[in-house]
Amino acid sequence: ISSSSSSTNYADSVKGRFTISRDNAKNTVYLQMNDLKPEDTGI
């Protein structure tokens, strides 16, 4: 996600399942991961 949140991008393998967002008031960025698959395993 770009600094102004004007642009986001996703790997093809997670597109439609993951969503990136930011809450500047909380100084936090989130990654919502839905419909998780074994191939999503990792650090």
PDB file of all heavy atoms in Angstrom:
ATOM      1  N   ILE A   1       0.858  -1.175   0.000  1.00  0.00           N
ATOM      2  CA  ILE A   1       0.000   0.000   0.000  1.00  0.00           C
ATOM      3  C   ILE A   1       0.901   1.234   0.000  1.00  0.00           C
ATOM      4  O   ILE A   1       1.879   1.304   0.745  1.00  0.00           O
ATOM      5  CB  ILE A   1      -0.970  -0.011   1.203  1.00  0.00           C
ATOM      6  CG1 ILE A   1      -1.955   1.156   1.122  1.00  0.00           C
ATOM      7  CG2 ILE A   1      -0.216  -0.003   2.530  1.00  0.00           C
ATOM      8  CD1 ILE A   1      -3.115   1.017   2.101  1.00  0.00           C
ATOM      9  N   SER A   2       0.598   2.187  -0.858  1.00  0.00           N
ATOM     10  CA  SER A   2       1.402   3.391  -0.960  1.00  0.00           C
ATOM     11  C   SER A   2       1.168   4.299   0.243  1.00  0.00           C
ATOM     12  O   SER A   2       0.221   4.125   1.011  1.00  0.00           O
ATOM     13  CB  SER A   2       1.076   4.138  -2.255  1.00  0.00           C
ATOM     14  OG  SER A   2      -0.285   4.534  -2.296  1.00  0.00           O
ATOM     15  N   SER A   3       2.064   5.279   0.413  1.00  0.00           N
ATOM     16  CA  SER A   3       1.999   6.122   1.599  1.00  0.00           C
ATOM     17  C   SER A   3       0.681   6.880   1.721  1.00  0.00           C
ATOM     18  O   SER A   3       0.178   7.070   2.837  1.00  0.00           O
ATOM     19  CB  SER A   3       3.178   7.106   1.620  1.00  0.00           C
ATOM     20  OG  SER A   3       3.153   7.947   0.476  1.00  0.00           O
ATOM     21  N   SER A   4       0.125   7.293   0.598  1.00  0.00           N
ATOM     22  CA  SER A   4      -1.149   8.011   0.610  1.00  0.00           C
ATOM     23  C   SER A   4      -2.352   7.086   0.511  1.00  0.00           C
ATOM     24  O   SER A   4      -3.490   7.561   0.510  1.00  0.00           O
ATOM     25  CB  SER A   4      -1.194   9.018  -0.529  1.00  0.00           C
ATOM     26  OG  SER A   4      -1.275   8.362  -1.777  1.00  0.00           O
ATOM     27  N   SER A   5      -2.108   5.789   0.408  1.00  0.00           N
ATOM     28  CA  SER A   5      -3.143   4.781   0.194  1.00  0.00           C
ATOM     29  C   SER A   5      -3.815   4.911  -1.162  1.00  0.00           C
ATOM     30  O   SER A   5      -4.885   4.342  -1.385  1.00  0.00           O
ATOM     31  CB  SER A   5      -4.201   4.815   1.305  1.00  0.00           C
ATOM     32  OG  SER A   5      -3.618   4.554   2.566  1.00  0.00           O
ATOM     33  N   SER A   6      -3.178   5.644  -2.083  1.00  0.00           N
ATOM     34  CA  SER A   6      -3.744   5.806  -3.411  1.00  0.00           C
ATOM     35  C   SER A   6      -3.571   4.566  -4.269  1.00  0.00           C
ATOM     36  O   SER A   6      -4.242   4.429  -5.295  1.00  0.00           O
ATOM     37  CB  SER A   6      -3.107   7.003  -4.114  1.00  0.00           C
ATOM     38  OG  SER A   6      -1.711   6.821  -4.285  1.00  0.00           O
ATOM     39  N   SER A   7      -2.686   3.672  -3.869  1.00  0.00           N
ATOM     40  CA  SER A   7      -2.410   2.482  -4.654  1.00  0.00           C
ATOM     41  C   SER A   7      -2.225   1.281  -3.745  1.00  0.00           C
ATOM     42  O   SER A   7      -1.580   1.379  -2.697  1.00  0.00           O
ATOM     43  CB  SER A   7      -1.161   2.688  -5.513  1.00  0.00           C
ATOM     44  OG  SER A   7      -0.864   1.541  -6.281  1.00  0.00           O
ATOM     45  N   THR A   8      -2.793   0.156  -4.142  1.00  0.00           N
ATOM     46  CA  THR A   8      -2.558  -1.129  -3.488  1.00  0.00           C
ATOM     47  C   THR A   8      -2.293  -2.177  -4.551  1.00  0.00           C
ATOM     48  O   THR A   8      -2.682  -2.023  -5.715  1.00  0.00           O
ATOM     49  CB  THR A   8      -3.744  -1.568  -2.617  1.00  0.00           C
ATOM     50  OG1 THR A   8      -4.920  -1.688  -3.432  1.00  0.00           O
ATOM     51  CG2 THR A   8      -4.010  -0.565  -1.504  1.00  0.00           C
ATOM     52  N   ASN A   9      -1.643  -3.254  -4.146  1.00  0.00           N
ATOM     53  CA  ASN A   9      -1.360  -4.331  -5.073  1.00  0.00           C
ATOM     54  C   ASN A   9      -1.313  -5.645  -4.302  1.00  0.00           C
ATOM     55  O   ASN A   9      -1.050  -5.663  -3.101  1.00  0.00           O
ATOM     56  CB  ASN A   9      -0.042  -4.094  -5.802  1.00  0.00           C
ATOM     57  CG  ASN A   9       0.084  -4.906  -7.076  1.00  0.00           C
ATOM     58  OD1 ASN A   9      -0.879  -5.514  -7.552  1.00  0.00           O
ATOM     59  ND2 ASN A   9       1.278  -4.928  -7.656  1.00  0.00           N
ATOM     60  N   TYR A  10      -1.549  -6.748  -5.026  1.00  0.00           N
ATOM     61  CA  TYR A  10      -1.576  -8.066  -4.416  1.00  0.00           C
ATOM     62  C   TYR A  10      -0.926  -9.080  -5.340  1.00  0.00           C
ATOM     63  O   TYR A  10      -1.033  -8.988  -6.565  1.00  0.00           O
ATOM     64  CB  TYR A  10      -3.012  -8.521  -4.138  1.00  0.00           C
ATOM     65  CG  TYR A  10      -3.769  -7.622  -3.212  1.00  0.00           C
ATOM     66  CD1 TYR A  10      -4.500  -6.537  -3.696  1.00  0.00           C
ATOM     67  CD2 TYR A  10      -3.757  -7.849  -1.838  1.00  0.00           C
ATOM     68  CE1 TYR A  10      -5.188  -5.705  -2.837  1.00  0.00           C
ATOM     69  CE2 TYR A  10      -4.448  -7.020  -0.973  1.00  0.00           C
ATOM     70  CZ  TYR A  10      -5.162  -5.951  -1.477  1.00  0.00           C
ATOM     71  OH  TYR A  10      -5.849  -5.123  -0.623  1.00  0.00           O
ATOM     72  N   ALA A  11      -0.266 -10.050  -4.744  1.00  0.00           N
ATOM     73  CA  ALA A  11       0.204 -11.184  -5.518  1.00  0.00           C
ATOM     74  C   ALA A  11      -0.994 -11.957  -6.066  1.00  0.00           C
ATOM     75  O   ALA A  11      -2.051 -12.028  -5.430  1.00  0.00           O
ATOM     76  CB  ALA A  11       1.059 -12.102  -4.646  1.00  0.00           C
ATOM     77  N   ASP A  12      -0.828 -12.531  -7.250  1.00  0.00           N
ATOM     78  CA  ASP A  12      -1.932 -13.271  -7.859  1.00  0.00           C
ATOM     79  C   ASP A  12      -2.437 -14.392  -6.956  1.00  0.00           C
ATOM     80  O   ASP A  12      -3.632 -14.704  -6.948  1.00  0.00           O
ATOM     81  CB  ASP A  12      -1.497 -13.850  -9.200  1.00  0.00           C
ATOM     82  CG  ASP A  12      -1.347 -12.798 -10.278  1.00  0.00           C
ATOM     83  OD1 ASP A  12      -1.894 -11.689 -10.120  1.00  0.00           O
ATOM     84  OD2 ASP A  12      -0.684 -13.088 -11.291  1.00  0.00           O
ATOM     85  N   SER A  13      -1.547 -14.980  -6.183  1.00  0.00           N
ATOM     86  CA  SER A  13      -1.913 -16.112  -5.353  1.00  0.00           C
ATOM     87  C   SER A  13      -2.847 -15.743  -4.200  1.00  0.00           C
ATOM     88  O   SER A  13      -3.507 -16.619  -3.638  1.00  0.00           O
ATOM     89  CB  SER A  13      -0.657 -16.784  -4.793  1.00  0.00           C
ATOM     90  OG  SER A  13       0.106 -15.879  -4.021  1.00  0.00           O
ATOM     91  N   VAL A  14      -2.910 -14.461  -3.843  1.00  0.00           N
ATOM     92  CA  VAL A  14      -3.751 -14.034  -2.729  1.00  0.00           C
ATOM     93  C   VAL A  14      -4.849 -13.071  -3.146  1.00  0.00           C
ATOM     94  O   VAL A  14      -5.698 -12.715  -2.322  1.00  0.00           O
ATOM     95  CB  VAL A  14      -2.911 -13.397  -1.605  1.00  0.00           C
ATOM     96  CG1 VAL A  14      -1.775 -14.314  -1.190  1.00  0.00           C
ATOM     97  CG2 VAL A  14      -2.377 -12.032  -2.027  1.00  0.00           C
ATOM     98  N   LYS A  15      -4.859 -12.664  -4.391  1.00  0.00           N
ATOM     99  CA  LYS A  15      -5.841 -11.694  -4.864  1.00  0.00           C
ATOM    100  C   LYS A  15      -7.257 -12.232  -4.678  1.00  0.00           C
ATOM    101  O   LYS A  15      -7.557 -13.370  -5.035  1.00  0.00           O
ATOM    102  CB  LYS A  15      -5.573 -11.362  -6.331  1.00  0.00           C
ATOM    103  CG  LYS A  15      -6.296 -10.135  -6.854  1.00  0.00           C
ATOM    104  CD  LYS A  15      -5.772  -9.739  -8.235  1.00  0.00           C
ATOM    105  CE  LYS A  15      -4.301  -9.351  -8.187  1.00  0.00           C
ATOM    106  NZ  LYS A  15      -3.783  -8.922  -9.515  1.00  0.00           N
ATOM    107  N   GLY A  16      -8.105 -11.400  -4.116  1.00  0.00           N
ATOM    108  CA  GLY A  16      -9.468 -11.797  -3.820  1.00  0.00           C
ATOM    109  C   GLY A  16      -9.652 -12.409  -2.458  1.00  0.00           C
ATOM    110  O   GLY A  16     -10.794 -12.548  -1.995  1.00  0.00           O
ATOM    111  N   ARG A  17      -8.564 -12.792  -1.803  1.00  0.00           N
ATOM    112  CA  ARG A  17      -8.628 -13.384  -0.469  1.00  0.00           C
ATOM    113  C   ARG A  17      -8.037 -12.473   0.607  1.00  0.00           C
ATOM    114  O   ARG A  17      -8.510 -12.466   1.740  1.00  0.00           O
ATOM    115  CB  ARG A  17      -7.901 -14.726  -0.439  1.00  0.00           C
ATOM    116  CG  ARG A  17      -8.494 -15.767  -1.375  1.00  0.00           C
ATOM    117  CD  ARG A  17      -7.852 -17.134  -1.156  1.00  0.00           C
ATOM    118  NE  ARG A  17      -6.427 -17.129  -1.483  1.00  0.00           N
ATOM    119  CZ  ARG A  17      -5.456 -17.400  -0.615  1.00  0.00           C
ATOM    120  NH1 ARG A  17      -5.747 -17.710   0.634  1.00  0.00           N
ATOM    121  NH2 ARG A  17      -4.185 -17.388  -1.011  1.00  0.00           N
ATOM    122  N   PHE A  18      -6.999 -11.729   0.260  1.00  0.00           N
ATOM    123  CA  PHE A  18      -6.311 -10.856   1.214  1.00  0.00           C
ATOM    124  C   PHE A  18      -6.658  -9.404   0.935  1.00  0.00           C
ATOM    125  O   PHE A  18      -6.865  -9.004  -0.219  1.00  0.00           O
ATOM    126  CB  PHE A  18      -4.796 -11.021   1.109  1.00  0.00           C
ATOM    127  CG  PHE A  18      -4.260 -12.336   1.602  1.00  0.00           C
ATOM    128  CD1 PHE A  18      -5.087 -13.410   1.890  1.00  0.00           C
ATOM    129  CD2 PHE A  18      -2.892 -12.489   1.776  1.00  0.00           C
ATOM    130  CE1 PHE A  18      -4.584 -14.613   2.336  1.00  0.00           C
ATOM    131  CE2 PHE A  18      -2.367 -13.686   2.224  1.00  0.00           C
ATOM    132  CZ  PHE A  18      -3.203 -14.751   2.505  1.00  0.00           C
ATOM    133  N   THR A  19      -6.680  -8.598   1.992  1.00  0.00           N
ATOM    134  CA  THR A  19      -6.924  -7.169   1.874  1.00  0.00           C
ATOM    135  C   THR A  19      -5.960  -6.411   2.772  1.00  0.00           C
ATOM    136  O   THR A  19      -5.865  -6.701   3.963  1.00  0.00           O
ATOM    137  CB  THR A  19      -8.368  -6.800   2.259  1.00  0.00           C
ATOM    138  OG1 THR A  19      -9.290  -7.528   1.437  1.00  0.00           O
ATOM    139  CG2 THR A  19      -8.606  -5.305   2.055  1.00  0.00           C
ATOM    140  N   ILE A  20      -5.257  -5.442   2.197  1.00  0.00           N
ATOM    141  CA  ILE A  20      -4.361  -4.593   2.966  1.00  0.00           C
ATOM    142  C   ILE A  20      -5.065  -3.276   3.270  1.00  0.00           C
ATOM    143  O   ILE A  20      -5.817  -2.756   2.439  1.00  0.00           O
ATOM    144  CB  ILE A  20      -3.029  -4.359   2.219  1.00  0.00           C
ATOM    145  CG1 ILE A  20      -2.000  -3.690   3.130  1.00  0.00           C
ATOM    146  CG2 ILE A  20      -3.237  -3.550   0.950  1.00  0.00           C
ATOM    147  CD1 ILE A  20      -0.595  -3.661   2.533  1.00  0.00           C
ATOM    148  N   SER A  21      -4.834  -2.751   4.446  1.00  0.00           N
ATOM    149  CA  SER A  21      -5.425  -1.476   4.836  1.00  0.00           C
ATOM    150  C   SER A  21      -4.521  -0.807   5.863  1.00  0.00           C
ATOM    151  O   SER A  21      -3.611  -1.433   6.408  1.00  0.00           O
ATOM    152  CB  SER A  21      -6.837  -1.665   5.401  1.00  0.00           C
ATOM    153  OG  SER A  21      -6.811  -2.445   6.580  1.00  0.00           O
ATOM    154  N   ARG A  22      -4.776   0.458   6.103  1.00  0.00           N
ATOM    155  CA  ARG A  22      -3.989   1.172   7.104  1.00  0.00           C
ATOM    156  C   ARG A  22      -4.892   2.072   7.927  1.00  0.00           C
ATOM    157  O   ARG A  22      -5.900   2.592   7.440  1.00  0.00           O
ATOM    158  CB  ARG A  22      -2.862   1.977   6.445  1.00  0.00           C
ATOM    159  CG  ARG A  22      -3.334   3.161   5.604  1.00  0.00           C
ATOM    160  CD  ARG A  22      -2.239   3.641   4.659  1.00  0.00           C
ATOM    161  NE  ARG A  22      -1.010   3.978   5.357  1.00  0.00           N
ATOM    162  CZ  ARG A  22       0.200   4.010   4.792  1.00  0.00           C
ATOM    163  NH1 ARG A  22       0.342   3.711   3.508  1.00  0.00           N
ATOM    164  NH2 ARG A  22       1.262   4.331   5.510  1.00  0.00           N
ATOM    165  N   ASP A  23      -4.525   2.249   9.177  1.00  0.00           N
ATOM    166  CA  ASP A  23      -5.196   3.159  10.087  1.00  0.00           C
ATOM    167  C   ASP A  23      -4.118   4.091  10.624  1.00  0.00           C
ATOM    168  O   ASP A  23      -3.421   3.760  11.581  1.00  0.00           O
ATOM    169  CB  ASP A  23      -5.894   2.408  11.212  1.00  0.00           C
ATOM    170  CG  ASP A  23      -6.746   3.312  12.084  1.00  0.00           C
ATOM    171  OD1 ASP A  23      -6.535   4.533  12.087  1.00  0.00           O
ATOM    172  OD2 ASP A  23      -7.647   2.787  12.775  1.00  0.00           O
ATOM    173  N   ASN A  24      -3.973   5.237   9.995  1.00  0.00           N
ATOM    174  CA  ASN A  24      -2.900   6.150  10.371  1.00  0.00           C
ATOM    175  C   ASN A  24      -3.055   6.670  11.800  1.00  0.00           C
ATOM    176  O   ASN A  24      -2.061   6.969  12.462  1.00  0.00           O
ATOM    177  CB  ASN A  24      -2.827   7.319   9.392  1.00  0.00           C
ATOM    178  CG  ASN A  24      -2.281   6.914   8.038  1.00  0.00           C
ATOM    179  OD1 ASN A  24      -1.580   5.905   7.913  1.00  0.00           O
ATOM    180  ND2 ASN A  24      -2.587   7.692   7.010  1.00  0.00           N
ATOM    181  N   ALA A  25      -4.292   6.784  12.272  1.00  0.00           N
ATOM    182  CA  ALA A  25      -4.508   7.231  13.644  1.00  0.00           C
ATOM    183  C   ALA A  25      -3.918   6.251  14.643  1.00  0.00           C
ATOM    184  O   ALA A  25      -3.485   6.644  15.731  1.00  0.00           O
ATOM    185  CB  ALA A  25      -5.996   7.432  13.911  1.00  0.00           C
ATOM    186  N   LYS A  26      -3.910   4.967  14.299  1.00  0.00           N
ATOM    187  CA  LYS A  26      -3.328   3.937  15.148  1.00  0.00           C
ATOM    188  C   LYS A  26      -1.910   3.584  14.742  1.00  0.00           C
ATOM    189  O   LYS A  26      -1.285   2.728  15.370  1.00  0.00           O
ATOM    190  CB  LYS A  26      -4.195   2.683  15.123  1.00  0.00           C
ATOM    191  CG  LYS A  26      -5.585   2.878  15.689  1.00  0.00           C
ATOM    192  CD  LYS A  26      -6.380   1.582  15.649  1.00  0.00           C
ATOM    193  CE  LYS A  26      -7.755   1.776  16.245  1.00  0.00           C
ATOM    194  NZ  LYS A  26      -8.558   0.530  16.192  1.00  0.00           N
ATOM    195  N   ASN A  27      -1.419   4.225  13.685  1.00  0.00           N
ATOM    196  CA  ASN A  27      -0.069   3.975  13.184  1.00  0.00           C
ATOM    197  C   ASN A  27       0.140   2.488  12.889  1.00  0.00           C
ATOM    198  O   ASN A  27       1.187   1.911  13.203  1.00  0.00           O
ATOM    199  CB  ASN A  27       0.986   4.475  14.177  1.00  0.00           C
ATOM    200  CG  ASN A  27       2.153   5.170  13.500  1.00  0.00           C
ATOM    201  OD1 ASN A  27       2.016   5.713  12.401  1.00  0.00           O
ATOM    202  ND2 ASN A  27       3.306   5.159  14.145  1.00  0.00           N
ATOM    203  N   THR A  28      -0.859   1.891  12.260  1.00  0.00           N
ATOM    204  CA  THR A  28      -0.871   0.451  12.046  1.00  0.00           C
ATOM    205  C   THR A  28      -1.356   0.119  10.644  1.00  0.00           C
ATOM    206  O   THR A  28      -2.268   0.767  10.118  1.00  0.00           O
ATOM    207  CB  THR A  28      -1.771  -0.246  13.078  1.00  0.00           C
ATOM    208  OG1 THR A  28      -1.291   0.044  14.400  1.00  0.00           O
ATOM    209  CG2 THR A  28      -1.779  -1.747  12.881  1.00  0.00           C
ATOM    210  N   VAL A  29      -0.745  -0.885  10.042  1.00  0.00           N
ATOM    211  CA  VAL A  29      -1.176  -1.452   8.772  1.00  0.00           C
ATOM    212  C   VAL A  29      -1.656  -2.874   9.030  1.00  0.00           C
ATOM    213  O   VAL A  29      -1.059  -3.599   9.833  1.00  0.00           O
ATOM    214  CB  VAL A  29      -0.044  -1.436   7.733  1.00  0.00           C
ATOM    215  CG1 VAL A  29      -0.452  -2.189   6.468  1.00  0.00           C
ATOM    216  CG2 VAL A  29       0.318  -0.002   7.373  1.00  0.00           C
ATOM    217  N   TYR A  30      -2.720  -3.265   8.342  1.00  0.00           N
ATOM    218  CA  TYR A  30      -3.321  -4.572   8.542  1.00  0.00           C
ATOM    219  C   TYR A  30      -3.273  -5.393   7.261  1.00  0.00           C
ATOM    220  O   TYR A  30      -3.260  -4.859   6.150  1.00  0.00           O
ATOM    221  CB  TYR A  30      -4.781  -4.440   8.976  1.00  0.00           C
ATOM    222  CG  TYR A  30      -4.983  -3.611  10.213  1.00  0.00           C
ATOM    223  CD1 TYR A  30      -5.337  -2.271  10.121  1.00  0.00           C
ATOM    224  CD2 TYR A  30      -4.814  -4.167  11.472  1.00  0.00           C
ATOM    225  CE1 TYR A  30      -5.520  -1.506  11.255  1.00  0.00           C
ATOM    226  CE2 TYR A  30      -4.993  -3.414  12.609  1.00  0.00           C
ATOM    227  CZ  TYR A  30      -5.346  -2.083  12.499  1.00  0.00           C
ATOM    228  OH  TYR A  30      -5.527  -1.329  13.629  1.00  0.00           O
ATOM    229  N   LEU A  31      -3.267  -6.696   7.437  1.00  0.00           N
ATOM    230  CA  LEU A  31      -3.445  -7.621   6.334  1.00  0.00           C
ATOM    231  C   LEU A  31      -4.520  -8.616   6.744  1.00  0.00           C
ATOM    232  O   LEU A  31      -4.276  -9.497   7.576  1.00  0.00           O
ATOM    233  CB  LEU A  31      -2.144  -8.350   5.983  1.00  0.00           C
ATOM    234  CG  LEU A  31      -2.229  -9.273   4.769  1.00  0.00           C
ATOM    235  CD1 LEU A  31      -2.448  -8.469   3.491  1.00  0.00           C
ATOM    236  CD2 LEU A  31      -0.972 -10.127   4.643  1.00  0.00           C
ATOM    237  N   GLN A  32      -5.711  -8.445   6.187  1.00  0.00           N
ATOM    238  CA  GLN A  32      -6.806  -9.373   6.429  1.00  0.00           C
ATOM    239  C   GLN A  32      -6.662 -10.542   5.472  1.00  0.00           C
ATOM    240  O   GLN A  32      -6.639 -10.353   4.255  1.00  0.00           O
ATOM    241  CB  GLN A  32      -8.156  -8.684   6.229  1.00  0.00           C
ATOM    242  CG  GLN A  32      -9.360  -9.591   6.419  1.00  0.00           C
ATOM    243  CD  GLN A  32      -9.534 -10.052   7.842  1.00  0.00           C
ATOM    244  OE1 GLN A  32      -9.386  -9.259   8.771  1.00  0.00           O
ATOM    245  NE2 GLN A  32      -9.836 -11.326   8.033  1.00  0.00           N
ATOM    246  N   MET A  33      -6.571 -11.741   6.009  1.00  0.00           N
ATOM    247  CA  MET A  33      -6.349 -12.939   5.213  1.00  0.00           C
ATOM    248  C   MET A  33      -7.554 -13.858   5.385  1.00  0.00           C
ATOM    249  O   MET A  33      -7.785 -14.391   6.475  1.00  0.00           O
ATOM    250  CB  MET A  33      -5.067 -13.650   5.636  1.00  0.00           C
ATOM    251  CG  MET A  33      -3.832 -12.750   5.615  1.00  0.00           C
ATOM    252  SD  MET A  33      -2.296 -13.661   5.944  1.00  0.00           S
ATOM    253  CE  MET A  33      -2.619 -14.225   7.618  1.00  0.00           C
ATOM    254  N   ASN A  34      -8.309 -14.041   4.313  1.00  0.00           N
ATOM    255  CA  ASN A  34      -9.484 -14.893   4.323  1.00  0.00           C
ATOM    256  C   ASN A  34      -9.251 -16.140   3.480  1.00  0.00           C
ATOM    257  O   ASN A  34      -8.385 -16.162   2.601  1.00  0.00           O
ATOM    258  CB  ASN A  34     -10.703 -14.134   3.789  1.00  0.00           C
ATOM    259  CG  ASN A  34     -11.083 -12.951   4.641  1.00  0.00           C
ATOM    260  OD1 ASN A  34     -10.909 -12.953   5.853  1.00  0.00           O
ATOM    261  ND2 ASN A  34     -11.630 -11.914   3.996  1.00  0.00           N
ATOM    262  N   ASP A  35     -10.045 -17.161   3.741  1.00  0.00           N
ATOM    263  CA  ASP A  35      -9.974 -18.413   2.988  1.00  0.00           C
ATOM    264  C   ASP A  35      -8.534 -18.907   2.895  1.00  0.00           C
ATOM    265  O   ASP A  35      -8.013 -19.200   1.813  1.00  0.00           O
ATOM    266  CB  ASP A  35     -10.570 -18.221   1.592  1.00  0.00           C
ATOM    267  CG  ASP A  35     -10.773 -19.527   0.849  1.00  0.00           C
ATOM    268  OD1 ASP A  35     -10.920 -20.580   1.508  1.00  0.00           O
ATOM    269  OD2 ASP A  35     -10.801 -19.505  -0.399  1.00  0.00           O
ATOM    270  N   LEU A  36      -7.899 -19.021   4.032  1.00  0.00           N
ATOM    271  CA  LEU A  36      -6.490 -19.397   4.061  1.00  0.00           C
ATOM    272  C   LEU A  36      -6.274 -20.815   3.553  1.00  0.00           C
ATOM    273  O   LEU A  36      -7.094 -21.709   3.781  1.00  0.00           O
ATOM    274  CB  LEU A  36      -5.946 -19.255   5.479  1.00  0.00           C
ATOM    275  CG  LEU A  36      -5.660 -17.807   5.892  1.00  0.00           C
ATOM    276  CD1 LEU A  36      -5.548 -17.692   7.402  1.00  0.00           C
ATOM    277  CD2 LEU A  36      -4.391 -17.303   5.214  1.00  0.00           C
ATOM    278  N   LYS A  37      -5.160 -20.993   2.875  1.00  0.00           N
ATOM    279  CA  LYS A  37      -4.788 -22.267   2.285  1.00  0.00           C
ATOM    280  C   LYS A  37      -3.434 -22.703   2.838  1.00  0.00           C
ATOM    281  O   LYS A  37      -2.646 -21.874   3.283  1.00  0.00           O
ATOM    282  CB  LYS A  37      -4.716 -22.143   0.763  1.00  0.00           C
ATOM    283  CG  LYS A  37      -5.991 -21.608   0.122  1.00  0.00           C
ATOM    284  CD  LYS A  37      -5.825 -21.436  -1.374  1.00  0.00           C
ATOM    285  CE  LYS A  37      -7.063 -20.797  -1.988  1.00  0.00           C
ATOM    286  NZ  LYS A  37      -8.270 -21.641  -1.789  1.00  0.00           N
ATOM    287  N   PRO A  38      -3.132 -24.002   2.805  1.00  0.00           N
ATOM    288  CA  PRO A  38      -1.828 -24.454   3.288  1.00  0.00           C
ATOM    289  C   PRO A  38      -0.654 -23.745   2.626  1.00  0.00           C
ATOM    290  O   PRO A  38       0.377 -23.524   3.276  1.00  0.00           O
ATOM    291  CB  PRO A  38      -1.842 -25.956   2.965  1.00  0.00           C
ATOM    292  CG  PRO A  38      -3.287 -26.327   3.042  1.00  0.00           C
ATOM    293  CD  PRO A  38      -4.019 -25.139   2.481  1.00  0.00           C
ATOM    294  N   GLU A  39      -0.787 -23.366   1.372  1.00  0.00           N
ATOM    295  CA  GLU A  39       0.286 -22.665   0.668  1.00  0.00           C
ATOM    296  C   GLU A  39       0.543 -21.273   1.220  1.00  0.00           C
ATOM    297  O   GLU A  39       1.551 -20.651   0.878  1.00  0.00           O
ATOM    298  CB  GLU A  39      -0.029 -22.580  -0.828  1.00  0.00           C
ATOM    299  CG  GLU A  39      -1.229 -21.697  -1.157  1.00  0.00           C
ATOM    300  CD  GLU A  39      -1.646 -21.790  -2.614  1.00  0.00           C
ATOM    301  OE1 GLU A  39      -2.070 -22.888  -3.035  1.00  0.00           O
ATOM    302  OE2 GLU A  39      -1.531 -20.777  -3.327  1.00  0.00           O
ATOM    303  N   ASP A  40      -0.352 -20.767   2.062  1.00  0.00           N
ATOM    304  CA  ASP A  40      -0.146 -19.469   2.697  1.00  0.00           C
ATOM    305  C   ASP A  40       0.773 -19.556   3.914  1.00  0.00           C
ATOM    306  O   ASP A  40       1.119 -18.522   4.489  1.00  0.00           O
ATOM    307  CB  ASP A  40      -1.484 -18.868   3.133  1.00  0.00           C
ATOM    308  CG  ASP A  40      -2.394 -18.560   1.961  1.00  0.00           C
ATOM    309  OD1 ASP A  40      -1.898 -18.051   0.933  1.00  0.00           O
ATOM    310  OD2 ASP A  40      -3.612 -18.815   2.077  1.00  0.00           O
ATOM    311  N   THR A  41       1.150 -20.744   4.306  1.00  0.00           N
ATOM    312  CA  THR A  41       2.013 -20.934   5.470  1.00  0.00           C
ATOM    313  C   THR A  41       3.365 -20.264   5.262  1.00  0.00           C
ATOM    314  O   THR A  41       3.961 -20.352   4.188  1.00  0.00           O
ATOM    315  CB  THR A  41       2.205 -22.426   5.746  1.00  0.00           C
ATOM    316  OG1 THR A  41       0.956 -23.001   6.153  1.00  0.00           O
ATOM    317  CG2 THR A  41       3.226 -22.652   6.859  1.00  0.00           C
ATOM    318  N   GLY A  42       3.849 -19.591   6.284  1.00  0.00           N
ATOM    319  CA  GLY A  42       5.147 -18.963   6.227  1.00  0.00           C
ATOM    320  C   GLY A  42       5.285 -17.902   7.298  1.00  0.00           C
ATOM    321  O   GLY A  42       4.367 -17.653   8.078  1.00  0.00           O
ATOM    322  N   ILE A  43       6.439 -17.290   7.338  1.00  0.00           N
ATOM    323  CA  ILE A  43       6.664 -16.153   8.210  1.00  0.00           C
ATOM    324  C   ILE A  43       6.305 -14.891   7.440  1.00  0.00           C
ATOM    325  O   ILE A  43       6.802 -14.672   6.329  1.00  0.00           O
ATOM    326  CB  ILE A  43       8.123 -16.077   8.694  1.00  0.00           C
ATOM    327  CG1 ILE A  43       8.502 -17.358   9.426  1.00  0.00           C
ATOM    328  CG2 ILE A  43       8.318 -14.880   9.608  1.00  0.00           C
ATOM    329  CD1 ILE A  43       9.963 -17.423   9.822  1.00  0.00           C
TER     330      ILE A  43
END
